[in-house]
């Protein structure tokens, strides 16, 4: 598995990472063996970047139950900001961030996070400063080694331009390219690491119907991406595109040098194997395919908002 440096953090990470939201929301503790198989297989095959969040239901606890003995083999990123249980208290306070980090450390049976990310808070919250100060204090205490922001659109742009964060996690795919012009230049200027969520656009490309794969999300979660894919395909096949739509989608995202890593969620060991095969043996895709997809998006998707 190819590795790259996560911006100015200096962390060496795999270009394919694992996102743990699916595992956290869709599985129960009865599925612990499946989770262990997925995470251990990922580590065995060179994936060393794990991305989770305090609000991903059981995700952090699964890390602590299955792979704490391999802690020196992976870079561990989590997110904080939401009161748990959701809706039962105040989000985005100094004390909440500190308590959330402590809870994450306890759940994952570790003494530090390699990266703590503020989880999609607004410009208003960022400007208030409390949550940034909390993350900075956690870093000073050695409980989080680096600080990042996870979010999209104008909130992400504020975080990038502020110079206060070492990484950005944001949405980017062949059907959601807005970050390419609105965020990537600032990320490069600030020497930030760039973590891409939803890098295959929820696997909508080339599908006859909306896959709608997320039981824990609203039924409309993938609807907009599916619509965009249909519009972009109206002008015919993509030039020099590989036959496998997942390979095309992953190749498009990782074909942008600004991207440090793309996190793909999976709860299925066979899907992990397929993703590894694609990234290790079938990428990169032709530059002509990437250019064709960019051209289509620029021509028809100028008003498509980045999806969170």
Protein backbone atom coordinates (compact mmCIF):
# COMPACT_ATOMS: atom_id res chain seq x y z
CA UNK A 1 0.00 0.00 0.00
CA UNK A 2 1.43 3.38 -1.03
CA UNK A 3 1.92 5.89 1.74
CA UNK A 4 2.14 9.65 1.85
CA UNK A 5 2.78 12.36 4.42
CA UNK A 6 -0.32 13.90 6.00
CA UNK A 7 0.63 17.51 5.37
CA UNK A 8 2.53 19.34 8.07
CA UNK A 9 1.63 16.72 10.70
CA UNK A 10 4.50 14.59 9.39
CA UNK A 11 2.41 11.44 9.89
CA UNK A 12 3.03 8.74 7.29
CA UNK A 13 -0.32 7.30 6.24
CA UNK A 14 -1.76 4.93 3.64
CA UNK A 15 -3.49 6.50 0.65
CA UNK A 16 -6.48 4.29 1.39
CA UNK A 17 -7.94 4.69 4.86
CA UNK A 18 -10.79 3.06 6.71
CA UNK A 19 -13.82 5.06 7.84
CA UNK A 20 -15.62 3.48 10.78
CA UNK A 21 -19.09 5.02 10.58
CA UNK A 22 -20.68 2.00 8.84
CA UNK A 23 -19.19 -0.40 11.37
CA UNK A 24 -20.31 1.81 14.23
CA UNK A 25 -23.88 2.35 13.08
CA UNK A 26 -24.75 -0.85 11.23
CA UNK A 27 -23.21 -3.56 13.43
CA UNK A 28 -23.72 -4.72 17.01
CA UNK A 29 -21.34 -6.28 19.50
CA UNK A 30 -22.56 -9.65 18.21
CA UNK A 31 -20.63 -8.79 15.04
CA UNK A 32 -17.34 -8.25 16.82
CA UNK A 33 -15.58 -11.05 14.90
CA UNK A 34 -16.55 -9.42 11.58
CA UNK A 35 -15.16 -6.09 12.76
CA UNK A 36 -11.97 -7.78 13.95
CA UNK A 37 -11.59 -9.46 10.56
CA UNK A 38 -12.04 -6.17 8.69
CA UNK A 39 -9.68 -4.12 10.86
CA UNK A 40 -6.98 -6.76 11.18
CA UNK A 41 -7.09 -7.45 7.45
CA UNK A 42 -6.75 -3.72 6.76
CA UNK A 43 -3.69 -3.50 9.00
CA UNK A 44 -2.20 -6.69 7.58
CA UNK A 45 -2.48 -5.22 4.08
CA UNK A 46 -0.85 -1.89 4.83
CA UNK A 47 -3.83 0.35 5.62
CA UNK A 48 -2.76 2.34 8.66
CA UNK A 49 -5.19 5.28 8.76
CA UNK A 50 -8.36 4.78 10.82
CA UNK A 51 -10.97 7.53 10.99
CA UNK A 52 -13.79 7.48 13.51
CA UNK A 53 -15.82 9.86 15.67
CA UNK A 54 -17.29 10.01 19.15
CA UNK A 55 -20.79 10.04 17.64
CA UNK A 56 -20.34 6.95 15.41
CA UNK A 57 -22.28 4.80 17.84
CA UNK A 58 -20.15 1.68 18.59
CA UNK A 59 -17.20 2.51 16.32
CA UNK A 60 -14.71 3.66 18.95
CA UNK A 61 -15.62 0.79 21.25
CA UNK A 62 -14.99 -1.67 18.43
CA UNK A 63 -11.47 -0.27 18.01
CA UNK A 64 -10.82 -0.78 21.70
CA UNK A 65 -12.26 -4.29 21.66
CA UNK A 66 -10.49 -5.59 18.56
CA UNK A 67 -7.11 -3.97 17.84
CA UNK A 68 -5.69 -2.11 20.88
CA UNK A 69 -2.76 -4.54 20.92
CA UNK A 70 -1.75 -3.23 17.47
CA UNK A 71 -1.86 0.44 18.44
CA UNK A 72 1.63 1.20 17.13
CA UNK A 73 0.59 0.01 13.65
CA UNK A 74 -2.07 2.63 12.91
CA UNK A 75 -2.66 6.36 12.86
CA UNK A 76 -5.84 7.00 14.83
CA UNK A 77 -8.09 9.94 14.00
CA UNK A 78 -11.33 10.79 15.78
CA UNK A 79 -13.75 13.72 15.91
CA UNK A 80 -15.47 15.62 18.68
CA UNK A 81 -18.12 18.27 19.16
CA UNK A 82 -21.52 16.62 19.51
CA UNK A 83 -23.15 15.98 22.87
CA UNK A 84 -23.99 12.31 23.43
CA UNK A 85 -26.68 11.08 23.38
CA UNK A 86 -27.38 13.43 20.49
CA UNK A 87 -29.90 16.16 21.22
CA UNK A 88 -29.78 15.79 25.00
CA UNK A 89 -27.25 18.52 25.78
CA UNK A 90 -25.28 21.45 24.41
CA UNK A 91 -22.92 20.86 21.50
CA UNK A 92 -19.69 22.76 20.93
CA UNK A 93 -18.46 23.78 24.36
CA UNK A 94 -14.92 23.72 25.73
CA UNK A 95 -15.79 21.15 28.38
CA UNK A 96 -17.59 18.93 25.87
CA UNK A 97 -14.52 18.71 23.61
CA UNK A 98 -12.25 17.83 26.53
CA UNK A 99 -14.69 15.23 27.87
CA UNK A 100 -15.23 13.77 24.40
CA UNK A 101 -11.51 13.27 23.89
CA UNK A 102 -11.20 11.57 27.28
CA UNK A 103 -14.10 9.28 26.39
CA UNK A 104 -12.55 8.44 23.03
CA UNK A 105 -9.24 7.54 24.67
CA UNK A 106 -11.02 5.29 27.15
CA UNK A 107 -13.16 3.58 24.53
CA UNK A 108 -10.24 2.91 22.19
CA UNK A 109 -7.86 1.91 25.00
CA UNK A 110 -5.12 4.33 24.06
CA UNK A 111 -3.35 7.23 25.73
CA UNK A 112 -3.42 9.50 22.69
CA UNK A 113 -5.17 10.29 19.43
CA UNK A 114 -2.90 11.01 16.52
CA UNK A 115 -5.48 13.47 15.21
CA UNK A 116 -8.53 15.11 16.77
CA UNK A 117 -10.89 16.82 14.33
CA UNK A 118 -13.61 19.32 15.13
CA UNK A 119 -16.70 17.72 13.66
CA UNK A 120 -18.46 20.01 11.18
CA UNK A 121 -19.08 23.01 13.41
CA UNK A 122 -20.12 26.35 11.95
CA UNK A 123 -18.07 29.49 11.37
CA UNK A 124 -19.87 31.06 14.34
CA UNK A 125 -18.64 28.28 16.63
CA UNK A 126 -15.13 28.45 15.21
CA UNK A 127 -14.95 32.22 15.65
CA UNK A 128 -16.07 31.93 19.26
CA UNK A 129 -12.83 30.03 19.84
CA UNK A 130 -13.74 27.74 22.74
CA UNK A 131 -13.59 24.49 20.77
CA UNK A 132 -10.32 25.40 19.08
CA UNK A 133 -8.81 26.24 22.46
CA UNK A 134 -10.01 22.90 23.82
CA UNK A 135 -8.35 21.01 20.97
CA UNK A 136 -5.16 23.03 21.45
CA UNK A 137 -5.17 22.27 25.18
CA UNK A 138 -5.61 18.55 24.45
CA UNK A 139 -2.62 18.77 22.14
CA UNK A 140 -0.54 20.51 24.81
CA UNK A 141 -1.46 17.70 27.22
CA UNK A 142 -0.32 15.06 24.72
CA UNK A 143 -3.79 13.54 24.40
CA UNK A 144 -4.12 14.59 20.76
CA UNK A 145 -0.96 15.00 18.72
CA UNK A 146 -2.49 17.02 15.88
CA UNK A 147 -5.61 19.13 15.25
CA UNK A 148 -7.87 19.06 12.21
CA UNK A 149 -11.25 20.19 10.97
CA UNK A 150 -13.88 18.00 9.32
CA UNK A 151 -16.52 19.76 7.24
CA UNK A 152 -17.51 21.35 3.96
CA UNK A 153 -18.30 24.57 2.10
CA UNK A 154 -17.86 27.94 3.81
CA UNK A 155 -17.17 26.41 7.23
CA UNK A 156 -14.30 24.37 5.82
CA UNK A 157 -12.95 27.40 3.97
CA UNK A 158 -12.84 29.38 7.23
CA UNK A 159 -10.97 26.52 8.89
CA UNK A 160 -8.47 26.30 6.04
CA UNK A 161 -7.87 30.04 5.79
CA UNK A 162 -7.49 30.42 9.56
CA UNK A 163 -4.16 28.57 9.60
CA UNK A 164 -5.16 26.97 12.92
CA UNK A 165 -5.62 23.44 11.65
CA UNK A 166 -3.15 20.87 10.37
CA UNK A 167 -5.63 18.79 8.37
CA UNK A 168 -8.93 19.10 6.56
CA UNK A 169 -11.41 16.28 6.06
CA UNK A 170 -13.97 17.08 3.38
CA UNK A 171 -16.22 15.55 0.71
CA UNK A 172 -14.77 15.05 -2.76
CA UNK A 173 -15.60 12.63 -5.57
CA UNK A 174 -16.39 12.51 -9.26
CA UNK A 175 -19.94 13.68 -8.43
CA UNK A 176 -18.90 16.23 -5.79
CA UNK A 177 -15.97 18.22 -7.11
CA UNK A 178 -16.58 21.64 -5.57
CA UNK A 179 -13.66 21.32 -3.14
CA UNK A 180 -11.28 21.12 -6.09
CA UNK A 181 -11.56 24.85 -6.68
CA UNK A 182 -12.92 26.18 -3.37
CA UNK A 183 -10.73 24.32 -0.86
CA UNK A 184 -7.77 22.54 -2.47
CA UNK A 185 -5.76 25.71 -3.23
CA UNK A 186 -5.98 26.87 0.39
CA UNK A 187 -5.06 23.42 1.67
CA UNK A 188 -1.93 23.44 -0.47
CA UNK A 189 -1.04 26.99 0.61
CA UNK A 190 -1.39 26.08 4.29
CA UNK A 191 0.49 22.77 3.80
CA UNK A 192 -2.41 20.87 5.34
CA UNK A 193 -3.07 17.17 5.10
CA UNK A 194 -6.20 16.44 3.06
CA UNK A 195 -8.48 13.58 4.10
CA UNK A 196 -11.29 12.78 1.69
CA UNK A 197 -14.61 11.41 2.89
CA UNK A 198 -17.17 9.88 0.50
CA UNK A 199 -14.42 9.40 -2.14
CA UNK A 200 -16.49 7.09 -4.33
CA UNK A 201 -19.62 9.24 -4.12
CA UNK A 202 -21.62 6.54 -2.33
CA UNK A 203 -21.05 4.17 -5.28
CA UNK A 204 -23.72 5.79 -7.43
CA UNK A 205 -21.75 5.97 -10.67
CA UNK A 206 -23.12 3.73 -13.41
CA UNK A 207 -25.94 2.39 -11.26
CA UNK A 208 -29.41 1.83 -12.73
CA UNK A 209 -31.04 2.88 -9.46
CA UNK A 210 -30.10 4.76 -6.31
CA UNK A 211 -28.13 2.30 -4.12
CA UNK A 212 -29.31 4.02 -0.90
CA UNK A 213 -26.98 1.84 1.22
CA UNK A 214 -27.14 3.49 4.64
CA UNK A 215 -29.77 2.18 7.03
CA UNK A 216 -28.93 4.83 9.63
CA UNK A 217 -29.35 7.74 7.21
CA UNK A 218 -32.38 9.34 5.61
CA UNK A 219 -33.54 7.69 2.38
CA UNK A 220 -32.47 10.81 0.46
CA UNK A 221 -28.82 10.49 1.57
CA UNK A 222 -27.54 9.21 -1.80
CA UNK A 223 -30.31 10.69 -3.94
CA UNK A 224 -28.48 13.87 -4.99
CA UNK A 225 -25.28 12.05 -5.90
CA UNK A 226 -27.28 9.58 -7.98
CA UNK A 227 -28.99 12.44 -9.80
CA UNK A 228 -25.68 14.13 -10.54
CA UNK A 229 -24.19 10.92 -11.92
CA UNK A 230 -27.10 10.59 -14.31
CA UNK A 231 -26.68 14.15 -15.58
CA UNK A 232 -22.93 13.74 -16.06
CA UNK A 233 -23.43 10.52 -18.03
CA UNK A 234 -25.91 12.06 -20.45
CA UNK A 235 -23.04 13.04 -22.75
CA UNK A 236 -21.90 9.43 -23.09
CA UNK A 237 -19.11 7.20 -21.76
CA UNK A 238 -16.14 8.81 -20.02
CA UNK A 239 -13.02 8.86 -22.17
CA UNK A 240 -10.61 6.00 -21.40
CA UNK A 241 -12.55 5.08 -18.25
CA UNK A 242 -12.00 1.65 -16.69
CA UNK A 243 -14.98 -0.68 -16.88
CA UNK A 244 -15.35 -0.92 -13.10
CA UNK A 245 -17.21 2.18 -11.81
CA UNK A 246 -15.69 1.87 -8.33
CA UNK A 247 -12.23 1.79 -9.88
CA UNK A 248 -13.10 4.91 -11.88
CA UNK A 249 -14.42 6.71 -8.80
CA UNK A 250 -11.47 5.79 -6.60
CA UNK A 251 -8.99 6.54 -9.36
CA UNK A 252 -10.54 9.96 -9.89
CA UNK A 253 -10.23 10.94 -6.23
CA UNK A 254 -6.74 9.57 -5.68
CA UNK A 255 -5.66 11.00 -9.01
CA UNK A 256 -5.52 14.45 -7.39
CA UNK A 257 -2.13 14.99 -5.82
CA UNK A 258 -3.56 17.30 -3.13
CA UNK A 259 -5.33 14.28 -1.58
CA UNK A 260 -3.42 12.60 1.25
CA UNK A 261 -5.84 9.75 1.86
CA UNK A 262 -9.33 8.62 0.89
CA UNK A 263 -11.36 6.97 3.63
CA UNK A 264 -13.80 4.28 2.56
CA UNK A 265 -16.21 2.75 5.04
CA UNK A 266 -16.83 -0.96 4.91
CA UNK A 267 -18.30 -3.56 7.21
CA UNK A 268 -17.69 -6.41 4.77
CA UNK A 269 -14.30 -8.19 4.55
CA UNK A 270 -14.83 -9.02 0.86
CA UNK A 271 -15.48 -5.36 0.04
CA UNK A 272 -12.24 -4.47 1.80
CA UNK A 273 -10.39 -7.04 -0.29
CA UNK A 274 -11.88 -5.57 -3.45
CA UNK A 275 -10.89 -2.03 -2.45
CA UNK A 276 -7.35 -3.14 -1.70
CA UNK A 277 -7.08 -4.92 -5.06
CA UNK A 278 -8.26 -1.82 -6.88
CA UNK A 279 -5.94 0.64 -5.14
CA UNK A 280 -2.87 -1.61 -5.16
CA UNK A 281 -3.12 -3.08 -8.65
CA UNK A 282 -5.43 -1.06 -10.90
CA UNK A 283 -4.63 2.57 -10.16
CA UNK A 284 -3.84 5.13 -11.40
CA UNK A 285 -6.50 5.54 -14.04
CA UNK A 286 -5.76 7.45 -17.28
CA UNK A 287 -5.39 11.22 -16.88
CA UNK A 288 -7.75 11.62 -19.83
CA UNK A 289 -10.56 10.05 -17.79
CA UNK A 290 -9.93 12.45 -14.90
CA UNK A 291 -9.86 15.41 -17.27
CA UNK A 292 -13.13 14.33 -18.92
CA UNK A 293 -14.87 14.05 -15.54
CA UNK A 294 -13.58 17.47 -14.48
CA UNK A 295 -14.75 19.03 -17.74
CA UNK A 296 -18.26 17.58 -17.39
CA UNK A 297 -18.54 18.77 -13.81
CA UNK A 298 -17.30 22.26 -14.60
CA UNK A 299 -19.73 22.61 -17.50
CA UNK A 300 -22.88 21.46 -15.70
CA UNK A 301 -22.20 21.36 -11.97
CA UNK A 302 -21.14 24.91 -11.23
CA UNK A 303 -24.04 25.43 -8.82
CA UNK A 304 -23.86 22.00 -7.17
CA UNK A 305 -23.15 22.49 -3.47
CA UNK A 306 -20.57 20.38 -1.72
CA UNK A 307 -22.39 17.67 0.22
CA UNK A 308 -21.73 17.15 3.92
